[in-house]
Amino acid sequence: MVKMFLDFVGDKFSASNPIPVPDNDPLDDCSAISHGTHVAGIIAANAIGISQPGFIPDVPFLGVAPEATLGAYRIMGCAEDGTTTELIVAAMFRAYDDKADI
């Protein structure tokens, strides 16, 4: 379960628009492949007993650490063409402040 999160940059952050617009929702409006969701599922999925229509898996499954609590600290915009050292460090400090075990 993702319990710690912050979007440090916003969707429009890029090399040509390097002004971060942070918000409290780490989800984006640009991901066609949902890489972060995919990785989080491999790690912490618990798809046993899902009964909500549209979300019932063909085969119930568990991730490798289904009891894990995850943090999501977004440091790249939709363009995925870079970030800054300052944003990386800010995300690491936020994870520390959130008491993440890293």
C-alpha atoms as a PDB file:
ATOM      1  CA  MET A   1       0.000   0.000   0.000  1.00  0.00           C
ATOM      2  CA  VAL A   2       1.308   3.461  -0.883  1.00  0.00           C
ATOM      3  CA  LYS A   3       1.069   5.545   2.296  1.00  0.00           C
ATOM      4  CA  MET A   4       3.786   8.155   1.762  1.00  0.00           C
ATOM      5  CA  PHE A   5       3.728  10.344  -1.323  1.00  0.00           C
ATOM      6  CA  LEU A   6       4.397  13.723  -2.868  1.00  0.00           C
ATOM      7  CA  ASP A   7       4.662  14.990  -6.425  1.00  0.00           C
ATOM      8  CA  PHE A   8       7.638  17.350  -6.290  1.00  0.00           C
ATOM      9  CA  VAL A   9       7.324  18.604  -9.892  1.00  0.00           C
ATOM     10  CA  GLY A  10       3.888  18.265 -11.553  1.00  0.00           C
ATOM     11  CA  ASP A  11       3.077  16.923 -15.010  1.00  0.00           C
ATOM     12  CA  LYS A  12       4.476  19.863 -17.013  1.00  0.00           C
ATOM     13  CA  PHE A  13       7.960  19.860 -15.461  1.00  0.00           C
ATOM     14  CA  SER A  14      10.647  19.273 -18.137  1.00  0.00           C
ATOM     15  CA  ALA A  15      14.040  20.445 -19.357  1.00  0.00           C
ATOM     16  CA  SER A  16      12.284  23.239 -21.263  1.00  0.00           C
ATOM     17  CA  ASN A  17       9.941  24.031 -18.328  1.00  0.00           C
ATOM     18  CA  PRO A  18      12.123  23.574 -15.229  1.00  0.00           C
ATOM     19  CA  ILE A  19       9.679  25.208 -12.798  1.00  0.00           C
ATOM     20  CA  PRO A  20       8.388  22.605 -10.315  1.00  0.00           C
ATOM     21  CA  VAL A  21       4.692  22.775  -9.401  1.00  0.00           C
ATOM     22  CA  PRO A  22       4.394  20.358  -6.454  1.00  0.00           C
ATOM     23  CA  ASP A  23       1.137  18.803  -5.316  1.00  0.00           C
ATOM     24  CA  ASN A  24       0.052  16.122  -2.854  1.00  0.00           C
ATOM     25  CA  ASP A  25      -0.969  13.618  -5.545  1.00  0.00           C
ATOM     26  CA  PRO A  26       1.890  11.537  -7.019  1.00  0.00           C
ATOM     27  CA  LEU A  27      -0.304  10.263  -9.873  1.00  0.00           C
ATOM     28  CA  ASP A  28       0.222  11.727 -13.319  1.00  0.00           C
ATOM     29  CA  ASP A  29      -1.997  12.383 -16.321  1.00  0.00           C
ATOM     30  CA  CYS A  30       0.583  11.278 -18.855  1.00  0.00           C
ATOM     31  CA  SER A  31       1.691   7.727 -18.230  1.00  0.00           C
ATOM     32  CA  ALA A  32       0.711   5.321 -20.978  1.00  0.00           C
ATOM     33  CA  ILE A  33       2.672   2.449 -19.468  1.00  0.00           C
ATOM     34  CA  SER A  34       2.192   3.067 -15.717  1.00  0.00           C
ATOM     35  CA  HIS A  35       5.715   1.902 -14.915  1.00  0.00           C
ATOM     36  CA  GLY A  36       5.532   2.933 -11.249  1.00  0.00           C
ATOM     37  CA  THR A  37       2.216   1.153 -10.748  1.00  0.00           C
ATOM     38  CA  HIS A  38       3.642  -1.957 -12.405  1.00  0.00           C
ATOM     39  CA  VAL A  39       6.719  -1.966 -10.145  1.00  0.00           C
ATOM     40  CA  ALA A  40       4.628  -1.285  -7.018  1.00  0.00           C
ATOM     41  CA  GLY A  41       2.424  -4.252  -7.947  1.00  0.00           C
ATOM     42  CA  ILE A  42       5.388  -6.587  -8.298  1.00  0.00           C
ATOM     43  CA  ILE A  43       6.548  -5.514  -4.858  1.00  0.00           C
ATOM     44  CA  ALA A  44       3.423  -5.106  -2.735  1.00  0.00           C
ATOM     45  CA  ALA A  45       0.376  -6.422  -4.604  1.00  0.00           C
ATOM     46  CA  ASN A  46      -2.321  -8.273  -2.739  1.00  0.00           C
ATOM     47  CA  ALA A  47      -4.923  -9.306  -5.311  1.00  0.00           C
ATOM     48  CA  ILE A  48      -6.467 -12.021  -3.164  1.00  0.00           C
ATOM     49  CA  GLY A  49     -10.147 -11.460  -2.465  1.00  0.00           C
ATOM     50  CA  ILE A  50     -10.694  -8.478  -4.801  1.00  0.00           C
ATOM     51  CA  SER A  51     -14.398  -8.367  -5.610  1.00  0.00           C
ATOM     52  CA  GLN A  52     -14.849  -4.929  -7.194  1.00  0.00           C
ATOM     53  CA  PRO A  53     -16.074  -5.319 -10.799  1.00  0.00           C
ATOM     54  CA  GLY A  54     -13.470  -4.274 -13.322  1.00  0.00           C
ATOM     55  CA  PHE A  55     -10.600  -5.010 -10.931  1.00  0.00           C
ATOM     56  CA  ILE A  56     -10.962  -8.757 -10.361  1.00  0.00           C
ATOM     57  CA  PRO A  57      -7.792 -10.472 -11.640  1.00  0.00           C
ATOM     58  CA  ASP A  58      -8.024 -13.599 -13.805  1.00  0.00           C
ATOM     59  CA  VAL A  59      -5.665 -15.273 -11.349  1.00  0.00           C
ATOM     60  CA  PRO A  60      -5.416 -13.923  -7.774  1.00  0.00           C
ATOM     61  CA  PHE A  61      -1.782 -13.151  -6.865  1.00  0.00           C
ATOM     62  CA  LEU A  62       0.533 -11.648  -4.272  1.00  0.00           C
ATOM     63  CA  GLY A  63       3.567  -9.439  -4.803  1.00  0.00           C
ATOM     64  CA  VAL A  64       6.916 -10.385  -3.301  1.00  0.00           C
ATOM     65  CA  ALA A  65       6.201  -8.290  -0.170  1.00  0.00           C
ATOM     66  CA  PRO A  66       2.404  -7.943   0.110  1.00  0.00           C
ATOM     67  CA  GLU A  67       2.634  -6.467   3.625  1.00  0.00           C
ATOM     68  CA  ALA A  68       5.035  -3.684   2.558  1.00  0.00           C
ATOM     69  CA  THR A  69       4.210   0.003   2.815  1.00  0.00           C
ATOM     70  CA  LEU A  70       5.487   2.008  -0.152  1.00  0.00           C
ATOM     71  CA  GLY A  71       6.377   5.635  -0.721  1.00  0.00           C
ATOM     72  CA  ALA A  72       5.957   7.493  -4.022  1.00  0.00           C
ATOM     73  CA  TYR A  73       8.001  10.654  -4.471  1.00  0.00           C
ATOM     74  CA  ARG A  74       7.690  11.921  -8.030  1.00  0.00           C
ATOM     75  CA  ILE A  75      10.679  13.890  -9.316  1.00  0.00           C
ATOM     76  CA  MET A  76      10.116  13.824 -13.097  1.00  0.00           C
ATOM     77  CA  GLY A  77       7.386  15.378 -15.199  1.00  0.00           C
ATOM     78  CA  CYS A  78       5.582  13.763 -18.125  1.00  0.00           C
ATOM     79  CA  ALA A  79       8.442  14.533 -20.524  1.00  0.00           C
ATOM     80  CA  GLU A  80      10.759  12.304 -18.431  1.00  0.00           C
ATOM     81  CA  ASP A  81      13.686  14.305 -19.752  1.00  0.00           C
ATOM     82  CA  GLY A  82      15.438  14.961 -16.495  1.00  0.00           C
ATOM     83  CA  THR A  83      15.276  16.241 -12.958  1.00  0.00           C
ATOM     84  CA  THR A  84      17.645  18.061 -10.646  1.00  0.00           C
ATOM     85  CA  THR A  85      19.947  16.980  -7.870  1.00  0.00           C
ATOM     86  CA  GLU A  86      18.004  19.284  -5.553  1.00  0.00           C
ATOM     87  CA  LEU A  87      14.730  17.463  -6.305  1.00  0.00           C
ATOM     88  CA  ILE A  88      16.325  14.043  -5.800  1.00  0.00           C
ATOM     89  CA  VAL A  89      17.743  15.117  -2.450  1.00  0.00           C
ATOM     90  CA  ALA A  90      14.431  16.736  -1.436  1.00  0.00           C
ATOM     91  CA  ALA A  91      12.620  13.467  -2.168  1.00  0.00           C
ATOM     92  CA  MET A  92      15.159  11.509  -0.139  1.00  0.00           C
ATOM     93  CA  PHE A  93      14.796  13.895   2.809  1.00  0.00           C
ATOM     94  CA  ARG A  94      10.999  13.692   2.546  1.00  0.00           C
ATOM     95  CA  ALA A  95      11.200   9.884   2.655  1.00  0.00           C
ATOM     96  CA  TYR A  96      13.413  10.205   5.744  1.00  0.00           C
ATOM     97  CA  ASP A  97      10.950  12.645   7.353  1.00  0.00           C
ATOM     98  CA  ASP A  98       8.118  10.205   6.535  1.00  0.00           C
ATOM     99  CA  LYS A  99      10.136   7.557   8.438  1.00  0.00           C
ATOM    100  CA  ALA A 100      10.622   5.383   5.362  1.00  0.00           C
ATOM    101  CA  ASP A 101      12.899   2.413   5.959  1.00  0.00           C
ATOM    102  CA  ILE A 102      15.378   2.916   3.119  1.00  0.00           C
END
